[in-house]
Protein backbone atom coordinates (compact mmCIF):
# COMPACT_ATOMS: atom_id res chain seq x y z
CA MET A 1 68.88 148.17 91.73
CA GLN A 2 70.08 150.83 89.30
CA VAL A 3 66.54 151.45 88.07
CA LEU A 4 65.24 151.76 91.64
CA LEU A 5 67.97 154.23 92.57
CA THR A 6 67.28 156.26 89.44
CA VAL A 7 63.57 156.43 90.28
CA LEU A 8 64.08 157.32 93.94
CA PHE A 9 67.00 159.68 93.47
CA PRO A 10 66.94 161.36 90.03
CA GLY A 11 70.05 163.24 89.00
CA ASP A 12 73.67 162.78 90.04
CA HIS A 13 74.22 165.83 92.20
CA ARG A 14 77.64 166.27 93.79
CA ARG A 15 76.64 168.38 96.77
CA SER A 16 79.04 170.15 99.10
CA ILE A 17 79.56 169.01 102.65
CA ALA A 18 77.82 172.18 103.83
CA SER A 19 74.80 171.40 101.66
CA LEU A 20 74.60 167.83 102.96
CA ALA A 21 74.99 169.00 106.55
CA GLY A 22 72.27 171.60 106.06
CA ARG A 23 69.90 169.02 104.65
CA ALA A 24 70.66 166.61 107.48
CA ALA A 25 70.01 169.36 110.04
CA LEU A 26 66.70 170.26 108.38
CA LEU A 27 65.62 166.62 108.33
CA LEU A 28 66.51 166.17 112.00
CA PHE A 29 64.53 169.30 112.86
CA LEU A 30 61.48 168.10 110.93
CA ILE A 31 61.60 164.67 112.58
CA VAL A 32 61.90 166.08 116.11
CA TRP A 33 59.31 168.80 115.49
CA SER A 34 56.86 166.41 113.82
CA TRP A 35 57.12 163.56 116.31
CA PRO A 36 54.18 164.69 118.50
CA TYR A 37 51.94 164.59 115.42
CA PHE A 38 52.38 160.81 115.30
CA THR A 39 50.84 160.30 118.74
CA VAL A 40 48.51 163.25 119.40
CA ARG A 41 44.78 162.54 119.57
CA LEU A 42 42.82 164.13 116.74
CA VAL A 43 40.50 165.93 119.13
CA ASP A 44 43.52 167.54 120.80
CA LEU A 45 45.09 168.35 117.43
CA GLY A 46 41.87 170.08 116.42
CA GLN A 47 41.98 172.30 119.50
CA ASP A 48 45.71 173.06 119.15
CA PRO A 49 46.70 172.46 115.51
CA GLY A 50 50.04 174.27 115.68
CA VAL A 51 51.65 176.97 113.57
CA MET A 52 51.58 174.98 110.31
CA HIS A 53 47.79 175.13 110.45
CA LEU A 54 48.03 178.81 109.54
CA VAL A 55 49.93 177.87 106.37
CA HIS A 56 47.41 175.17 105.50
CA LEU A 57 44.56 177.59 106.16
CA VAL A 58 45.78 180.01 103.48
CA PHE A 59 45.58 177.33 100.80
CA HIS A 60 42.35 175.96 102.27
CA GLU A 61 40.54 179.27 101.89
CA ALA A 62 42.15 179.85 98.49
CA GLY A 63 40.74 176.51 97.37
CA HIS A 64 37.21 177.63 98.18
CA THR A 65 37.70 181.00 96.48
CA ILE A 66 39.36 179.75 93.30
CA THR A 67 36.90 176.89 92.83
CA ALA A 68 33.95 179.24 93.36
CA MET A 69 35.23 181.37 90.47
CA LEU A 70 35.30 178.32 88.19
CA THR A 71 32.08 176.51 89.07
CA ASP A 72 28.85 176.85 91.00
CA ASN A 73 28.98 173.22 92.17
CA ARG A 74 28.65 173.63 95.92
CA THR A 75 30.03 170.21 96.80
CA LEU A 76 33.18 170.79 94.77
CA ILE A 77 33.61 174.29 96.20
CA VAL A 78 33.33 172.99 99.76
CA PHE A 79 35.60 169.99 99.12
CA MET A 80 38.34 172.03 97.46
CA GLY A 81 39.09 173.82 100.71
CA SER A 82 40.64 170.68 102.18
CA GLY A 83 41.46 169.43 98.70
CA ASN A 84 43.55 172.45 97.78
CA GLN A 85 45.52 172.49 101.02
CA VAL A 86 46.68 168.96 100.17
CA LEU A 87 46.98 169.50 96.42
CA VAL A 88 49.34 172.50 96.62
CA PRO A 89 52.17 170.73 98.51
CA LEU A 90 51.66 167.66 96.32
CA ILE A 91 52.15 169.78 93.19
CA ILE A 92 55.28 171.30 94.75
CA THR A 93 56.53 167.79 95.50
CA LEU A 94 56.06 166.74 91.88
CA ALA A 95 57.73 169.93 90.63
CA PHE A 96 60.83 169.33 92.76
CA TYR A 97 60.98 165.73 91.59
CA PHE A 98 60.31 166.05 87.85
CA LYS A 99 61.65 169.55 87.16
CA ASN A 100 64.49 169.96 89.67
CA HIS A 101 65.34 166.26 90.02
CA ASP A 102 65.84 166.91 93.73
CA ALA A 103 64.73 163.96 95.83
CA PHE A 104 65.35 165.67 99.17
CA ALA A 105 63.27 168.74 98.28
CA ALA A 106 60.55 166.45 96.93
CA ALA A 107 60.63 164.48 100.19
CA VAL A 108 60.16 167.68 102.19
CA GLY A 109 57.23 168.52 99.90
CA LEU A 110 55.83 165.05 100.55
CA TRP A 111 56.18 165.62 104.30
CA TRP A 112 54.22 168.86 103.86
CA THR A 113 51.57 166.94 101.93
CA GLY A 114 51.26 164.43 104.76
CA HIS A 115 51.15 167.13 107.41
CA SER A 116 48.47 169.01 105.50
CA THR A 117 46.45 165.80 105.15
CA LEU A 118 46.72 165.22 108.90
CA ASP A 119 45.48 168.77 109.44
CA VAL A 120 42.24 167.81 107.67
CA ALA A 121 41.55 164.79 109.90
CA PRO A 122 40.32 166.68 113.01
CA TYR A 123 37.97 168.70 110.79
CA ILE A 124 36.46 165.46 109.47
CA GLN A 125 36.17 164.01 112.97
CA ASP A 126 34.32 167.15 114.07
CA ALA A 127 31.52 166.72 111.50
CA ARG A 128 28.97 165.71 114.14
CA MET A 129 30.50 167.21 117.29
CA LEU A 130 30.89 170.67 115.67
CA ASN A 131 33.23 171.86 118.43
CA LEU A 132 36.00 173.36 116.29
CA GLN A 133 36.27 177.10 115.92
CA LEU A 134 35.55 178.15 112.34
CA LEU A 135 37.20 181.02 110.51
CA SER A 136 33.82 182.74 110.16
CA GLY A 137 33.57 182.97 113.95
CA GLY A 138 32.01 180.56 116.41
CA THR A 139 31.85 176.79 116.26
CA GLY A 140 29.90 174.68 113.79
CA LYS A 141 27.09 174.59 116.34
CA GLU A 142 26.78 178.36 116.23
CA VAL A 143 27.40 179.30 112.60
CA GLU A 144 27.04 177.71 109.17
CA GLY A 145 30.08 176.74 107.16
CA HIS A 146 31.47 173.48 108.54
CA ASP A 147 32.86 171.87 105.38
CA TRP A 148 32.89 168.28 106.53
CA GLU A 149 29.47 168.39 108.15
CA TYR A 150 28.09 169.36 104.75
CA LEU A 151 30.24 166.90 102.76
CA LEU A 152 29.64 163.83 104.90
CA GLU A 153 25.92 164.56 105.09
CA HIS A 154 25.87 165.03 101.31
CA TRP A 155 27.63 161.68 100.84
CA HIS A 156 25.40 160.02 103.51
CA VAL A 157 28.34 158.89 105.64
CA ILE A 158 28.29 161.41 108.48
CA ASN A 159 27.81 158.58 110.98
CA ARG A 160 31.29 157.35 109.97
CA ASP A 161 33.07 160.66 110.55
CA ILE A 162 35.35 159.34 113.31
CA ILE A 163 36.33 156.24 111.30
CA ILE A 164 37.02 158.27 108.15
CA ALA A 165 39.07 160.76 110.13
CA ALA A 166 41.12 157.96 111.69
CA HIS A 167 41.88 156.49 108.25
CA VAL A 168 42.86 159.89 106.89
CA ALA A 169 45.16 160.44 109.87
CA THR A 170 46.78 157.02 109.38
CA VAL A 171 47.44 157.72 105.70
CA ALA A 172 48.81 161.16 106.57
CA ARG A 173 51.21 159.78 109.16
CA CYS A 174 52.38 157.07 106.77
CA ILE A 175 53.10 159.74 104.14
CA MET A 176 55.13 161.76 106.65
CA PHE A 177 57.07 158.69 107.76
CA LEU A 178 57.83 157.68 104.16
CA ALA A 179 58.93 161.25 103.44
CA PHE A 180 61.46 161.06 106.27
CA GLY A 181 62.82 157.78 104.92
CA TRP A 182 63.06 159.19 101.40
CA ALA A 183 64.82 162.34 102.61
CA LEU A 184 67.33 160.31 104.63
CA GLY A 185 67.96 158.05 101.65
CA SER A 186 68.56 161.05 99.41
CA ILE A 187 71.15 162.47 101.83
CA ILE A 188 73.00 159.14 101.94
CA TYR A 189 72.80 158.82 98.16
CA ASP A 190 74.06 162.37 97.57
CA ALA A 191 76.90 161.79 100.05
CA TYR A 192 77.91 158.70 98.08
CA MET A 193 77.66 160.59 94.78
CA ARG A 194 79.90 163.31 96.19
CA ASN A 195 82.64 160.75 96.81
CA ALA A 196 82.02 158.60 93.73
CA PRO A 197 84.62 158.86 90.93
CA LEU A 198 83.58 161.16 88.10
CA GLY A 199 81.86 159.28 85.32
CA LEU A 200 80.52 156.56 87.63
CA ASP A 201 77.00 156.34 88.98
CA ALA A 202 75.98 154.97 92.36
CA ALA A 203 75.04 151.58 90.97
CA ASP A 204 78.48 150.81 89.56
């Protein structure tokens, strides 16, 4: 048990009541705000992705640009749009965990990773329909530049776009759900540590 607690909740922070209350409020907000993402259809999410899509889009486009400066491999350049928008929050998650030893912040980063992954799913599902509006203007039917049309055709699995998208969405939602559980556990753990006698850890 002690090893598990150490892995899940690194550090022995004695947070103030205000800090714990703030974290609890943030977690409650994220749960309530995110709940529709657990039930929305991917086709509807693609048409109305929400405000976080604008955040994901910044890192998506940066992924294309940065990769293009490092290689001329078209497949990698195209993939790293979606890849980078998931990789950035994952790196932030790992930084909070390993550098800051802050399980709650890492859990929020993990939630962001899951949300960003879910944001990719409608794009995958649209590989054959080509109905989504692209940043370059117009839909995939009207202009070139649909990442997942190119990728799934390149990998010879474009006929499985809907199935792949559904799996990606399931994984994304599981990540978000696990992030909520981890964040809640960290708040409970930190509350216990705040009241634990000095010199004792939570496993004693």
